[in-house]
Structure formats: structure tokens, C-alpha cells
Amino acid sequence: MLGHKLVGLASGKGHEVYAAFNEHQPPSGRRILLDQTDERQVKKIVGEIRPEIIVNSAAMTDVDLCETQPDIAFLVNAQSVSYLASAARKSNSFLLQLSTDYVFGGDKGNYSEADPPNPMNHYGLSKLKGEEATKAAGEGNWGVARASVVYGWGRPHRPNAASYVYDKLSKGEKISVVVDQYSSPTLNTNLAGMVLEIAERKVPGIIHTSGASRLSRYGFAVSIARTFGLDESLISSVETKNLNWKAKRPVDSSLGTSKASRTLLNPPLPIDQALRLLASERASIAPLT
């Protein structure tokens, strides 16, 4: 979702973009087939291209799958990042790593960049290890952009929090959504704009690039229904204790975005603005499949 948006946005601004992929080809850019977990491939390709900037949006993001396959999660979300960092250092490339609110334990919410991470599942732990691996790119030559519940159009092979709600309610189907878990939903278009700006300016260090609003998953679903004029009575609430998740989730992993708002010309959007943009994008694309 982010990678495709970012490739299109960067290409549209005139950047020479090499779009690495493993399964799903990006819509634009110079497409490069890459298994990022293969150290030799990573070093060979980065060494040949010698990019000014590397943005890593690749990840194993299925939280329950990471819990049952922690070794693979670590390989994809952390070890492969160390390969990128090593290659970036050798090529003097700025490495920007995409990370997650799940590096936090969820005990307080509105986390700042200065708060100590304390992941409660293997997904969060593997992403935290990926953040740490990024630093091997060299002092001042790395950045970490943390997002939360990324949503948007453009990935029909795997629904996200917004497209799922829209699809189900559009068909008149009932859905149950968690009411006691809070986050900072992040529109992929807004995220791509922030990430590209960070990359262009080579903003170092950690920065929270989530949406600017704290919402429960249920509240987010209701907001989507209202934005699109769908029947919100089809949405029922459920508590996390009644779900059979394999991995524990943080209760409140919402991110504070004051640093991004101060630093970026393309700041995090509050939920009302983000959903209006989502709606305008919906009107310009083909029906979901």
C-alpha cells in the first residue's frame, strides 16, 4: 500500500525511482525483482545502483503470523534491514526505515519519539530490531518513520481496515469491530507524502508519521461509514477479550505527531481531512475486486 503510493509520488516529482518488489509489481518506476532476505542480492543491487536514498517499506505485517513464525518475522523485519543498512553505508545512501506503533506496549498511548519502546508481541519486537539495525547505515544517514494502522486504496489482494469496512457496508453486510483498542489510523497517501519529504530532506532520527487523530478501531469504522454515507448500524462493537488472537495487541498504541507537525511541510492529517481525501480517491478509481 505504501510502496506503490510512494513510487508513483516520487516518479511524478521527477525522481529516478528503482522499485524493488518480490511478488506484486509496482505500477511505475524501474522494476527490480528482489528477495530482500538474500544478503548477496541486496548488496549486489544496491552496489550497482548506488542510490542516494533507500526507503524500506517491505515487512511481514500479519501480527498473528509473526507470533507463530517469529524466526521468519525476524528475518524479514530485522535481519533483512541489516543487509540494507550495510549496503547503504557502503554506498553512502540515506536509509529510511518504515516502522510501527507496535514497538510500544500500549499502556498509555500518545507516544512520543522519546518514549522507550516496549513491544508486547513478536511483530513489534521484530520491527524494533529493524529500527535498531537501520542505525548501521551510519551517523546522520538513517531515519525511522513510524506509522499506525495504514489504510487506503490500491491493494485488492489484501484488505485493510478502511477498505474492509467500506466493502462490507457497501454490500449491506454486518461487521464486528474492536472497541477497546486505540491507534492513530494513517492514510497511505498522507504517509507517502510525509515519507517522501523525509527522504528528500534526509531528516535523520525517529519521527512519528501516523495520522494525527487517536481513535478506537470501532470509532474508525464508524467514521468511515459516516464519510461514505453507509449504514453505521451494521457495525457492532466487540471487546478484545472475546477474540481469539494468537498475539497480544497493545491497548493504546496511538502516536503523538507533534514533531512531524513541526518538522514537515506535509504534516499528519486529522481523521476528518484524511477520510475526505480517501473519499475523493474512491470516486476516481475503478470498483474494488
C-alpha atoms as a PDB file:
ATOM      1  CA  MET A   1       0.000   0.000   0.000  1.00  0.00           C
ATOM      2  CA  LEU A   2       2.716   2.484   0.889  1.00  0.00           C
ATOM      3  CA  GLY A   3       5.310   1.256  -1.593  1.00  0.00           C
ATOM      4  CA  HIS A   4       3.072   1.673  -4.631  1.00  0.00           C
ATOM      5  CA  LYS A   5       1.944   5.117  -3.489  1.00  0.00           C
ATOM      6  CA  LEU A   6       5.494   6.217  -2.819  1.00  0.00           C
ATOM      7  CA  VAL A   7       6.832   5.006  -6.169  1.00  0.00           C
ATOM      8  CA  GLY A   8       4.082   6.875  -8.025  1.00  0.00           C
ATOM      9  CA  LEU A   9       4.531  10.055  -5.999  1.00  0.00           C
ATOM     10  CA  ALA A  10       8.323  10.109  -6.295  1.00  0.00           C
ATOM     11  CA  SER A  11       8.220   9.326 -10.028  1.00  0.00           C
ATOM     12  CA  GLY A  12       5.686  12.115 -10.523  1.00  0.00           C
ATOM     13  CA  LYS A  13       8.092  14.578  -8.911  1.00  0.00           C
ATOM     14  CA  GLY A  14      10.828  13.638 -11.348  1.00  0.00           C
ATOM     15  CA  HIS A  15      12.903  11.338  -9.178  1.00  0.00           C
ATOM     16  CA  GLU A  16      14.633   8.345 -10.752  1.00  0.00           C
ATOM     17  CA  VAL A  17      12.959   5.517  -8.844  1.00  0.00           C
ATOM     18  CA  TYR A  18      14.096   1.909  -8.679  1.00  0.00           C
ATOM     19  CA  ALA A  19      11.099  -0.054  -7.404  1.00  0.00           C
ATOM     20  CA  ALA A  20      12.151  -3.322  -5.792  1.00  0.00           C
ATOM     21  CA  PHE A  21       9.454  -5.985  -5.400  1.00  0.00           C
ATOM     22  CA  ASN A  22       9.114  -9.652  -4.583  1.00  0.00           C
ATOM     23  CA  GLU A  23       5.554 -10.650  -5.580  1.00  0.00           C
ATOM     24  CA  HIS A  24       3.408  -7.656  -6.544  1.00  0.00           C
ATOM     25  CA  GLN A  25       4.865  -5.450  -9.257  1.00  0.00           C
ATOM     26  CA  PRO A  26       4.704  -1.690  -8.616  1.00  0.00           C
ATOM     27  CA  PRO A  27       2.761   0.413 -11.127  1.00  0.00           C
ATOM     28  CA  SER A  28       5.729   2.577 -12.104  1.00  0.00           C
ATOM     29  CA  GLY A  29       9.445   3.067 -11.614  1.00  0.00           C
ATOM     30  CA  ARG A  30      12.274   0.836 -12.780  1.00  0.00           C
ATOM     31  CA  ARG A  31      11.038  -2.519 -11.502  1.00  0.00           C
ATOM     32  CA  ILE A  32      13.627  -4.757  -9.852  1.00  0.00           C
ATOM     33  CA  LEU A  33      12.862  -8.270  -8.624  1.00  0.00           C
ATOM     34  CA  LEU A  34      14.491  -8.609  -5.215  1.00  0.00           C
ATOM     35  CA  ASP A  35      14.431 -11.084  -2.351  1.00  0.00           C
ATOM     36  CA  GLN A  36      15.384  -8.706   0.428  1.00  0.00           C
ATOM     37  CA  THR A  37      16.206 -11.619   2.761  1.00  0.00           C
ATOM     38  CA  ASP A  38      19.063 -12.595   0.441  1.00  0.00           C
ATOM     39  CA  GLU A  39      22.112 -10.624   1.598  1.00  0.00           C
ATOM     40  CA  ARG A  40      24.036 -11.155  -1.629  1.00  0.00           C
ATOM     41  CA  GLN A  41      21.158  -9.863  -3.762  1.00  0.00           C
ATOM     42  CA  VAL A  42      20.732  -6.784  -1.596  1.00  0.00           C
ATOM     43  CA  LYS A  43      24.411  -5.867  -1.644  1.00  0.00           C
ATOM     44  CA  LYS A  44      24.713  -6.536  -5.375  1.00  0.00           C
ATOM     45  CA  ILE A  45      21.721  -4.399  -6.368  1.00  0.00           C
ATOM     46  CA  VAL A  46      22.455  -1.514  -4.003  1.00  0.00           C
ATOM     47  CA  GLY A  47      26.105  -1.597  -5.038  1.00  0.00           C
ATOM     48  CA  GLU A  48      25.171  -1.385  -8.718  1.00  0.00           C
ATOM     49  CA  ILE A  49      22.576   1.375  -8.357  1.00  0.00           C
ATOM     50  CA  ARG A  50      24.287   3.345  -5.561  1.00  0.00           C
ATOM     51  CA  PRO A  51      21.039   5.164  -4.720  1.00  0.00           C
ATOM     52  CA  GLU A  52      21.043   8.461  -2.910  1.00  0.00           C
ATOM     53  CA  ILE A  53      18.115   7.273  -0.791  1.00  0.00           C
ATOM     54  CA  ILE A  54      16.722   3.856   0.171  1.00  0.00           C
ATOM     55  CA  VAL A  55      13.202   3.647   1.582  1.00  0.00           C
ATOM     56  CA  ASN A  56      12.296   0.280   3.070  1.00  0.00           C
ATOM     57  CA  SER A  57       8.538  -0.290   3.220  1.00  0.00           C
ATOM     58  CA  ALA A  58       8.810  -4.080   2.951  1.00  0.00           C
ATOM     59  CA  ALA A  59       7.672  -6.005   6.025  1.00  0.00           C
ATOM     60  CA  MET A  60       5.883  -9.043   7.382  1.00  0.00           C
ATOM     61  CA  THR A  61       2.885  -7.262   8.912  1.00  0.00           C
ATOM     62  CA  ASP A  62       0.484 -10.100   9.788  1.00  0.00           C
ATOM     63  CA  VAL A  63       0.671  -9.818  13.576  1.00  0.00           C
ATOM     64  CA  ASP A  64      -0.618 -13.318  14.331  1.00  0.00           C
ATOM     65  CA  LEU A  65       1.589 -14.900  11.664  1.00  0.00           C
ATOM     66  CA  CYS A  66       4.610 -13.163  13.190  1.00  0.00           C
ATOM     67  CA  GLU A  67       3.621 -14.660  16.539  1.00  0.00           C
ATOM     68  CA  THR A  68       3.532 -18.210  15.184  1.00  0.00           C
ATOM     69  CA  GLN A  69       6.585 -17.779  12.921  1.00  0.00           C
ATOM     70  CA  PRO A  70       8.914 -15.461  14.873  1.00  0.00           C
ATOM     71  CA  ASP A  71      12.064 -16.622  13.067  1.00  0.00           C
ATOM     72  CA  ILE A  72      10.656 -15.588   9.696  1.00  0.00           C
ATOM     73  CA  ALA A  73       9.356 -12.329  11.170  1.00  0.00           C
ATOM     74  CA  PHE A  74      12.830 -11.530  12.460  1.00  0.00           C
ATOM     75  CA  LEU A  75      14.414 -12.414   9.112  1.00  0.00           C
ATOM     76  CA  VAL A  76      12.061 -10.166   7.133  1.00  0.00           C
ATOM     77  CA  ASN A  77      11.591  -7.295   9.581  1.00  0.00           C
ATOM     78  CA  ALA A  78      15.053  -7.080  11.129  1.00  0.00           C
ATOM     79  CA  GLN A  79      17.782  -9.185   9.530  1.00  0.00           C
ATOM     80  CA  SER A  80      16.997  -8.005   6.007  1.00  0.00           C
ATOM     81  CA  VAL A  81      17.155  -4.415   7.280  1.00  0.00           C
ATOM     82  CA  SER A  82      20.699  -5.049   8.485  1.00  0.00           C
ATOM     83  CA  TYR A  83      21.577  -6.087   4.920  1.00  0.00           C
ATOM     84  CA  LEU A  84      20.136  -2.815   3.620  1.00  0.00           C
ATOM     85  CA  ALA A  85      21.943  -0.793   6.290  1.00  0.00           C
ATOM     86  CA  SER A  86      25.277  -2.401   5.486  1.00  0.00           C
ATOM     87  CA  ALA A  87      24.785  -1.813   1.766  1.00  0.00           C
ATOM     88  CA  ALA A  88      23.603   1.759   2.402  1.00  0.00           C
ATOM     89  CA  ARG A  89      26.686   2.533   4.468  1.00  0.00           C
ATOM     90  CA  LYS A  90      28.974   1.223   1.728  1.00  0.00           C
ATOM     91  CA  SER A  91      27.147   3.233  -0.951  1.00  0.00           C
ATOM     92  CA  ASN A  92      26.709   6.307   1.279  1.00  0.00           C
ATOM     93  CA  SER A  93      22.920   6.064   0.856  1.00  0.00           C
ATOM     94  CA  PHE A  94      20.409   7.529   3.297  1.00  0.00           C
ATOM     95  CA  LEU A  95      18.279   4.658   4.660  1.00  0.00           C
ATOM     96  CA  LEU A  96      14.713   5.402   5.744  1.00  0.00           C
ATOM     97  CA  GLN A  97      13.034   2.511   7.553  1.00  0.00           C
ATOM     98  CA  LEU A  98       9.245   2.281   7.946  1.00  0.00           C
ATOM     99  CA  SER A  99       8.196   1.113  11.381  1.00  0.00           C
ATOM    100  CA  THR A 100       5.132   0.762  13.552  1.00  0.00           C
ATOM    101  CA  ASP A 101       3.280   1.888  16.679  1.00  0.00           C
ATOM    102  CA  TYR A 102       3.504  -1.736  17.841  1.00  0.00           C
ATOM    103  CA  VAL A 103       7.025  -1.125  19.116  1.00  0.00           C
ATOM    104  CA  PHE A 104       5.176   0.260  22.161  1.00  0.00           C
ATOM    105  CA  GLY A 105       3.374  -1.699  24.859  1.00  0.00           C
ATOM    106  CA  GLY A 106       0.139   0.271  24.729  1.00  0.00           C
ATOM    107  CA  ASP A 107      -0.093   1.192  28.398  1.00  0.00           C
ATOM    108  CA  LYS A 108      -0.549   4.943  27.884  1.00  0.00           C
ATOM    109  CA  GLY A 109      -0.926   5.972  24.223  1.00  0.00           C
ATOM    110  CA  ASN A 110       0.043   9.245  22.533  1.00  0.00           C
ATOM    111  CA  TYR A 111       3.623   8.011  22.482  1.00  0.00           C
ATOM    112  CA  SER A 112       6.376  10.452  21.585  1.00  0.00           C
ATOM    113  CA  GLU A 113       9.635   9.651  19.837  1.00  0.00           C
ATOM    114  CA  ALA A 114      11.381   9.932  23.212  1.00  0.00           C
ATOM    115  CA  ASP A 115       9.280   7.219  24.878  1.00  0.00           C
ATOM    116  CA  PRO A 116      11.111   3.898  25.381  1.00  0.00           C
ATOM    117  CA  PRO A 117       9.783   1.068  23.198  1.00  0.00           C
ATOM    118  CA  ASN A 118       8.349  -1.992  24.919  1.00  0.00           C
ATOM    119  CA  PRO A 119       6.806  -4.347  22.358  1.00  0.00           C
ATOM    120  CA  MET A 120       4.378  -6.998  23.566  1.00  0.00           C
ATOM    121  CA  ASN A 121       4.398  -9.321  20.544  1.00  0.00           C
ATOM    122  CA  HIS A 122       6.861 -10.725  18.021  1.00  0.00           C
ATOM    123  CA  TYR A 123       5.727  -8.364  15.275  1.00  0.00           C
ATOM    124  CA  GLY A 124       6.535  -5.319  17.392  1.00  0.00           C
ATOM    125  CA  LEU A 125       9.789  -6.852  18.605  1.00  0.00           C
ATOM    126  CA  SER A 126      10.943  -7.703  15.080  1.00  0.00           C
ATOM    127  CA  LYS A 127      10.146  -4.179  13.884  1.00  0.00           C
ATOM    128  CA  LEU A 128      12.034  -2.687  16.840  1.00  0.00           C
ATOM    129  CA  LYS A 129      15.032  -4.837  15.933  1.00  0.00           C
ATOM    130  CA  GLY A 130      14.663  -3.478  12.397  1.00  0.00           C
ATOM    131  CA  GLU A 131      14.806   0.070  13.732  1.00  0.00           C
ATOM    132  CA  GLU A 132      17.999  -0.756  15.610  1.00  0.00           C
ATOM    133  CA  ALA A 133      19.518  -2.386  12.525  1.00  0.00           C
ATOM    134  CA  THR A 134      18.841   0.765  10.493  1.00  0.00           C
ATOM    135  CA  LYS A 135      21.381   2.706  12.557  1.00  0.00           C
ATOM    136  CA  ALA A 136      24.206   0.699  10.995  1.00  0.00           C
ATOM    137  CA  ALA A 137      23.782   2.888   7.895  1.00  0.00           C
ATOM    138  CA  GLY A 138      25.892   5.453   9.751  1.00  0.00           C
ATOM    139  CA  GLU A 139      25.526   8.531  11.908  1.00  0.00           C
ATOM    140  CA  GLY A 140      23.112  11.037  10.342  1.00  0.00           C
ATOM    141  CA  ASN A 141      22.491   8.676   7.441  1.00  0.00           C
ATOM    142  CA  TRP A 142      19.394   6.885   8.706  1.00  0.00           C
ATOM    143  CA  GLY A 143      15.801   7.667   9.609  1.00  0.00           C
ATOM    144  CA  VAL A 144      12.832   5.759  11.040  1.00  0.00           C
ATOM    145  CA  ALA A 145       9.245   6.724  10.217  1.00  0.00           C
ATOM    146  CA  ARG A 146       6.632   5.082  12.463  1.00  0.00           C
ATOM    147  CA  ALA A 147       3.049   4.717  11.261  1.00  0.00           C
ATOM    148  CA  SER A 148      -0.101   3.135  12.704  1.00  0.00           C
ATOM    149  CA  VAL A 149      -2.906   1.119  11.042  1.00  0.00           C
ATOM    150  CA  VAL A 150      -2.081   2.137   7.476  1.00  0.00           C
ATOM    151  CA  TYR A 151      -5.164   2.208   5.255  1.00  0.00           C
ATOM    152  CA  GLY A 152      -6.175   3.261   1.756  1.00  0.00           C
ATOM    153  CA  TRP A 153      -6.938   2.007  -1.731  1.00  0.00           C
ATOM    154  CA  GLY A 154      -4.689   0.099  -4.079  1.00  0.00           C
ATOM    155  CA  ARG A 155      -4.208  -3.365  -2.592  1.00  0.00           C
ATOM    156  CA  PRO A 156      -7.193  -5.553  -3.544  1.00  0.00           C
ATOM    157  CA  HIS A 157      -5.302  -8.785  -2.796  1.00  0.00           C
ATOM    158  CA  ARG A 158      -5.259  -7.890   0.915  1.00  0.00           C
ATOM    159  CA  PRO A 159      -7.928  -5.653   2.505  1.00  0.00           C
ATOM    160  CA  ASN A 160      -7.033  -3.103   5.163  1.00  0.00           C
ATOM    161  CA  ALA A 161      -9.010  -1.520   7.999  1.00  0.00           C
ATOM    162  CA  ALA A 162     -10.718   1.028   5.731  1.00  0.00           C
ATOM    163  CA  SER A 163     -11.258  -0.978   2.549  1.00  0.00           C
ATOM    164  CA  TYR A 164     -12.700  -3.872   4.589  1.00  0.00           C
ATOM    165  CA  VAL A 165     -15.268  -1.632   6.293  1.00  0.00           C
ATOM    166  CA  TYR A 166     -16.184   0.086   3.029  1.00  0.00           C
ATOM    167  CA  ASP A 167     -16.553  -3.187   1.134  1.00  0.00           C
ATOM    168  CA  LYS A 168     -18.688  -4.920   3.775  1.00  0.00           C
ATOM    169  CA  LEU A 169     -21.002  -1.986   4.487  1.00  0.00           C
ATOM    170  CA  SER A 170     -21.415  -1.265   0.774  1.00  0.00           C
ATOM    171  CA  LYS A 171     -22.804  -4.787   0.431  1.00  0.00           C
ATOM    172  CA  GLY A 172     -25.097  -4.348   3.423  1.00  0.00           C
ATOM    173  CA  GLU A 173     -23.137  -6.868   5.478  1.00  0.00           C
ATOM    174  CA  LYS A 174     -22.752  -6.658   9.253  1.00  0.00           C
ATOM    175  CA  ILE A 175     -19.314  -6.400  10.813  1.00  0.00           C
ATOM    176  CA  SER A 176     -17.880  -6.547  14.341  1.00  0.00           C
ATOM    177  CA  VAL A 177     -15.044  -4.194  15.235  1.00  0.00           C
ATOM    178  CA  VAL A 178     -12.864  -3.943  18.336  1.00  0.00           C
ATOM    179  CA  VAL A 179     -13.972  -1.130  20.636  1.00  0.00           C
ATOM    180  CA  ASP A 180     -11.207  -1.203  23.271  1.00  0.00           C
ATOM    181  CA  GLN A 181      -8.079  -0.885  21.135  1.00  0.00           C
ATOM    182  CA  TYR A 182      -6.786   2.563  20.164  1.00  0.00           C
ATOM    183  CA  SER A 183      -4.378   3.684  17.451  1.00  0.00           C
ATOM    184  CA  SER A 184      -3.634   6.530  15.030  1.00  0.00           C
ATOM    185  CA  PRO A 185      -5.016   5.410  11.638  1.00  0.00           C
ATOM    186  CA  THR A 186      -2.748   6.531   8.797  1.00  0.00           C
ATOM    187  CA  LEU A 187      -3.897   7.201   5.232  1.00  0.00           C
ATOM    188  CA  ASN A 188      -1.350   5.769   2.804  1.00  0.00           C
ATOM    189  CA  THR A 189      -1.472   8.889   0.617  1.00  0.00           C
ATOM    190  CA  ASN A 190      -0.649  11.133   3.574  1.00  0.00           C
ATOM    191  CA  LEU A 191       2.062   8.713   4.719  1.00  0.00           C
ATOM    192  CA  ALA A 192       3.671   8.604   1.269  1.00  0.00           C
ATOM    193  CA  GLY A 193       3.830  12.398   1.194  1.00  0.00           C
ATOM    194  CA  MET A 194       5.499  12.539   4.599  1.00  0.00           C
ATOM    195  CA  VAL A 195       7.926   9.733   3.801  1.00  0.00           C
ATOM    196  CA  LEU A 196       8.970  11.309   0.507  1.00  0.00           C
ATOM    197  CA  GLU A 197       9.609  14.644   2.224  1.00  0.00           C
ATOM    198  CA  ILE A 198      11.703  12.974   4.927  1.00  0.00           C
ATOM    199  CA  ALA A 199      13.661  11.136   2.243  1.00  0.00           C
ATOM    200  CA  GLU A 200      14.209  14.220   0.082  1.00  0.00           C
ATOM    201  CA  ARG A 201      15.377  16.276   3.063  1.00  0.00           C
ATOM    202  CA  LYS A 202      17.205  13.340   4.664  1.00  0.00           C
ATOM    203  CA  VAL A 203      15.655  14.080   8.038  1.00  0.00           C
ATOM    204  CA  PRO A 204      17.635  11.922  10.498  1.00  0.00           C
ATOM    205  CA  GLY A 205      16.381  10.006  13.510  1.00  0.00           C
ATOM    206  CA  ILE A 206      12.955   8.748  14.534  1.00  0.00           C
ATOM    207  CA  ILE A 207       9.756  10.570  13.594  1.00  0.00           C
ATOM    208  CA  HIS A 208       6.117   9.582  14.026  1.00  0.00           C
ATOM    209  CA  THR A 209       4.294   9.781  10.693  1.00  0.00           C
ATOM    210  CA  SER A 210       0.899   8.389  11.633  1.00  0.00           C
ATOM    211  CA  GLY A 211      -2.452  10.102  11.320  1.00  0.00           C
ATOM    212  CA  ALA A 212      -2.963  12.960  13.779  1.00  0.00           C
ATOM    213  CA  SER A 213      -6.091  11.522  15.479  1.00  0.00           C
ATOM    214  CA  ARG A 214      -6.436   8.886  18.199  1.00  0.00           C
ATOM    215  CA  LEU A 215      -9.366   6.534  17.569  1.00  0.00           C
ATOM    216  CA  SER A 216     -10.634   3.153  18.649  1.00  0.00           C
ATOM    217  CA  ARG A 217     -10.953   0.611  15.853  1.00  0.00           C
ATOM    218  CA  TYR A 218     -14.726   0.856  16.296  1.00  0.00           C
ATOM    219  CA  GLY A 219     -14.654   4.652  16.164  1.00  0.00           C
ATOM    220  CA  PHE A 220     -12.580   4.488  12.994  1.00  0.00           C
ATOM    221  CA  ALA A 221     -15.117   2.167  11.350  1.00  0.00           C
ATOM    222  CA  VAL A 222     -17.999   4.464  12.304  1.00  0.00           C
ATOM    223  CA  SER A 223     -16.110   7.461  10.896  1.00  0.00           C
ATOM    224  CA  ILE A 224     -15.665   5.628   7.587  1.00  0.00           C
ATOM    225  CA  ALA A 225     -19.363   4.776   7.453  1.00  0.00           C
ATOM    226  CA  ARG A 226     -20.332   8.406   8.047  1.00  0.00           C
ATOM    227  CA  THR A 227     -17.857   9.720   5.494  1.00  0.00           C
ATOM    228  CA  PHE A 228     -19.263   7.474   2.760  1.00  0.00           C
ATOM    229  CA  GLY A 229     -22.919   7.679   3.821  1.00  0.00           C
ATOM    230  CA  LEU A 230     -23.045   3.994   4.733  1.00  0.00           C
ATOM    231  CA  ASP A 231     -25.221   2.345   7.379  1.00  0.00           C
ATOM    232  CA  GLU A 232     -23.291   2.532  10.648  1.00  0.00           C
ATOM    233  CA  SER A 233     -25.935   0.395  12.395  1.00  0.00           C
ATOM    234  CA  LEU A 234     -24.347  -2.563  10.603  1.00  0.00           C
ATOM    235  CA  ILE A 235     -21.260  -2.069  12.804  1.00  0.00           C
ATOM    236  CA  SER A 236     -21.265  -3.777  16.185  1.00  0.00           C
ATOM    237  CA  SER A 237     -18.574  -3.490  18.838  1.00  0.00           C
ATOM    238  CA  VAL A 238     -16.589  -6.346  20.319  1.00  0.00           C
ATOM    239  CA  GLU A 239     -14.013  -6.414  23.115  1.00  0.00           C
ATOM    240  CA  THR A 240     -10.560  -7.846  22.608  1.00  0.00           C
ATOM    241  CA  LYS A 241     -11.100 -10.440  25.347  1.00  0.00           C
ATOM    242  CA  ASN A 242     -13.709 -12.084  23.117  1.00  0.00           C
ATOM    243  CA  LEU A 243     -11.355 -12.504  20.157  1.00  0.00           C
ATOM    244  CA  ASN A 244      -9.106 -15.478  19.520  1.00  0.00           C
ATOM    245  CA  TRP A 245      -5.986 -13.585  18.501  1.00  0.00           C
ATOM    246  CA  LYS A 246      -2.729 -15.519  18.707  1.00  0.00           C
ATOM    247  CA  ALA A 247      -0.735 -12.395  19.535  1.00  0.00           C
ATOM    248  CA  LYS A 248      -1.481  -9.839  22.216  1.00  0.00           C
ATOM    249  CA  ARG A 249      -2.210  -6.319  20.952  1.00  0.00           C
ATOM    250  CA  PRO A 250      -1.396  -3.063  22.730  1.00  0.00           C
ATOM    251  CA  VAL A 251      -4.496  -1.416  24.213  1.00  0.00           C
ATOM    252  CA  ASP A 252      -3.456   2.090  23.164  1.00  0.00           C
ATOM    253  CA  SER A 253      -0.549   2.419  20.738  1.00  0.00           C
ATOM    254  CA  SER A 254      -1.570   5.837  19.412  1.00  0.00           C
ATOM    255  CA  LEU A 255       1.331   8.046  18.374  1.00  0.00           C
ATOM    256  CA  GLY A 256       1.969  11.683  19.169  1.00  0.00           C
ATOM    257  CA  THR A 257       2.716  13.568  15.954  1.00  0.00           C
ATOM    258  CA  SER A 258       3.786  16.988  17.219  1.00  0.00           C
ATOM    259  CA  LYS A 259       7.350  16.511  15.930  1.00  0.00           C
ATOM    260  CA  ALA A 260       6.127  15.695  12.425  1.00  0.00           C
ATOM    261  CA  SER A 261       3.706  18.638  12.504  1.00  0.00           C
ATOM    262  CA  ARG A 262       6.557  20.981  13.429  1.00  0.00           C
ATOM    263  CA  THR A 263       9.097  19.465  11.058  1.00  0.00           C
ATOM    264  CA  LEU A 264       7.264  18.597   7.856  1.00  0.00           C
ATOM    265  CA  LEU A 265       5.615  20.743   5.220  1.00  0.00           C
ATOM    266  CA  ASN A 266       3.321  17.753   4.585  1.00  0.00           C
ATOM    267  CA  PRO A 267       2.106  17.139   8.149  1.00  0.00           C
ATOM    268  CA  PRO A 268      -0.005  14.290   9.578  1.00  0.00           C
ATOM    269  CA  LEU A 269      -3.689  14.740   8.749  1.00  0.00           C
ATOM    270  CA  PRO A 270      -6.504  14.641  11.323  1.00  0.00           C
ATOM    271  CA  ILE A 271      -9.047  11.932  10.629  1.00  0.00           C
ATOM    272  CA  ASP A 272     -11.714  14.161   9.087  1.00  0.00           C
ATOM    273  CA  GLN A 273      -9.309  15.532   6.470  1.00  0.00           C
ATOM    274  CA  ALA A 274      -7.810  12.115   5.794  1.00  0.00           C
ATOM    275  CA  LEU A 275     -11.202  10.491   5.228  1.00  0.00           C
ATOM    276  CA  ARG A 276     -12.306  13.280   2.911  1.00  0.00           C
ATOM    277  CA  LEU A 277      -9.197  12.600   0.852  1.00  0.00           C
ATOM    278  CA  LEU A 278      -9.932   8.872   0.950  1.00  0.00           C
ATOM    279  CA  ALA A 279     -13.440   9.563  -0.346  1.00  0.00           C
ATOM    280  CA  SER A 280     -12.170  11.743  -3.175  1.00  0.00           C
ATOM    281  CA  GLU A 281      -9.758   8.991  -4.192  1.00  0.00           C
ATOM    282  CA  ARG A 282     -12.575   6.428  -4.112  1.00  0.00           C
ATOM    283  CA  ALA A 283     -14.514   8.442  -6.677  1.00  0.00           C
ATOM    284  CA  SER A 284     -11.609   8.350  -9.131  1.00  0.00           C
ATOM    285  CA  ILE A 285     -10.754   4.638  -9.136  1.00  0.00           C
ATOM    286  CA  ALA A 286     -12.320   1.508 -10.570  1.00  0.00           C
ATOM    287  CA  PRO A 287     -14.571  -0.658  -8.363  1.00  0.00           C
ATOM    288  CA  LEU A 288     -12.787  -2.916  -5.896  1.00  0.00           C
ATOM    289  CA  THR A 289     -12.397  -6.545  -6.894  1.00  0.00           C
END
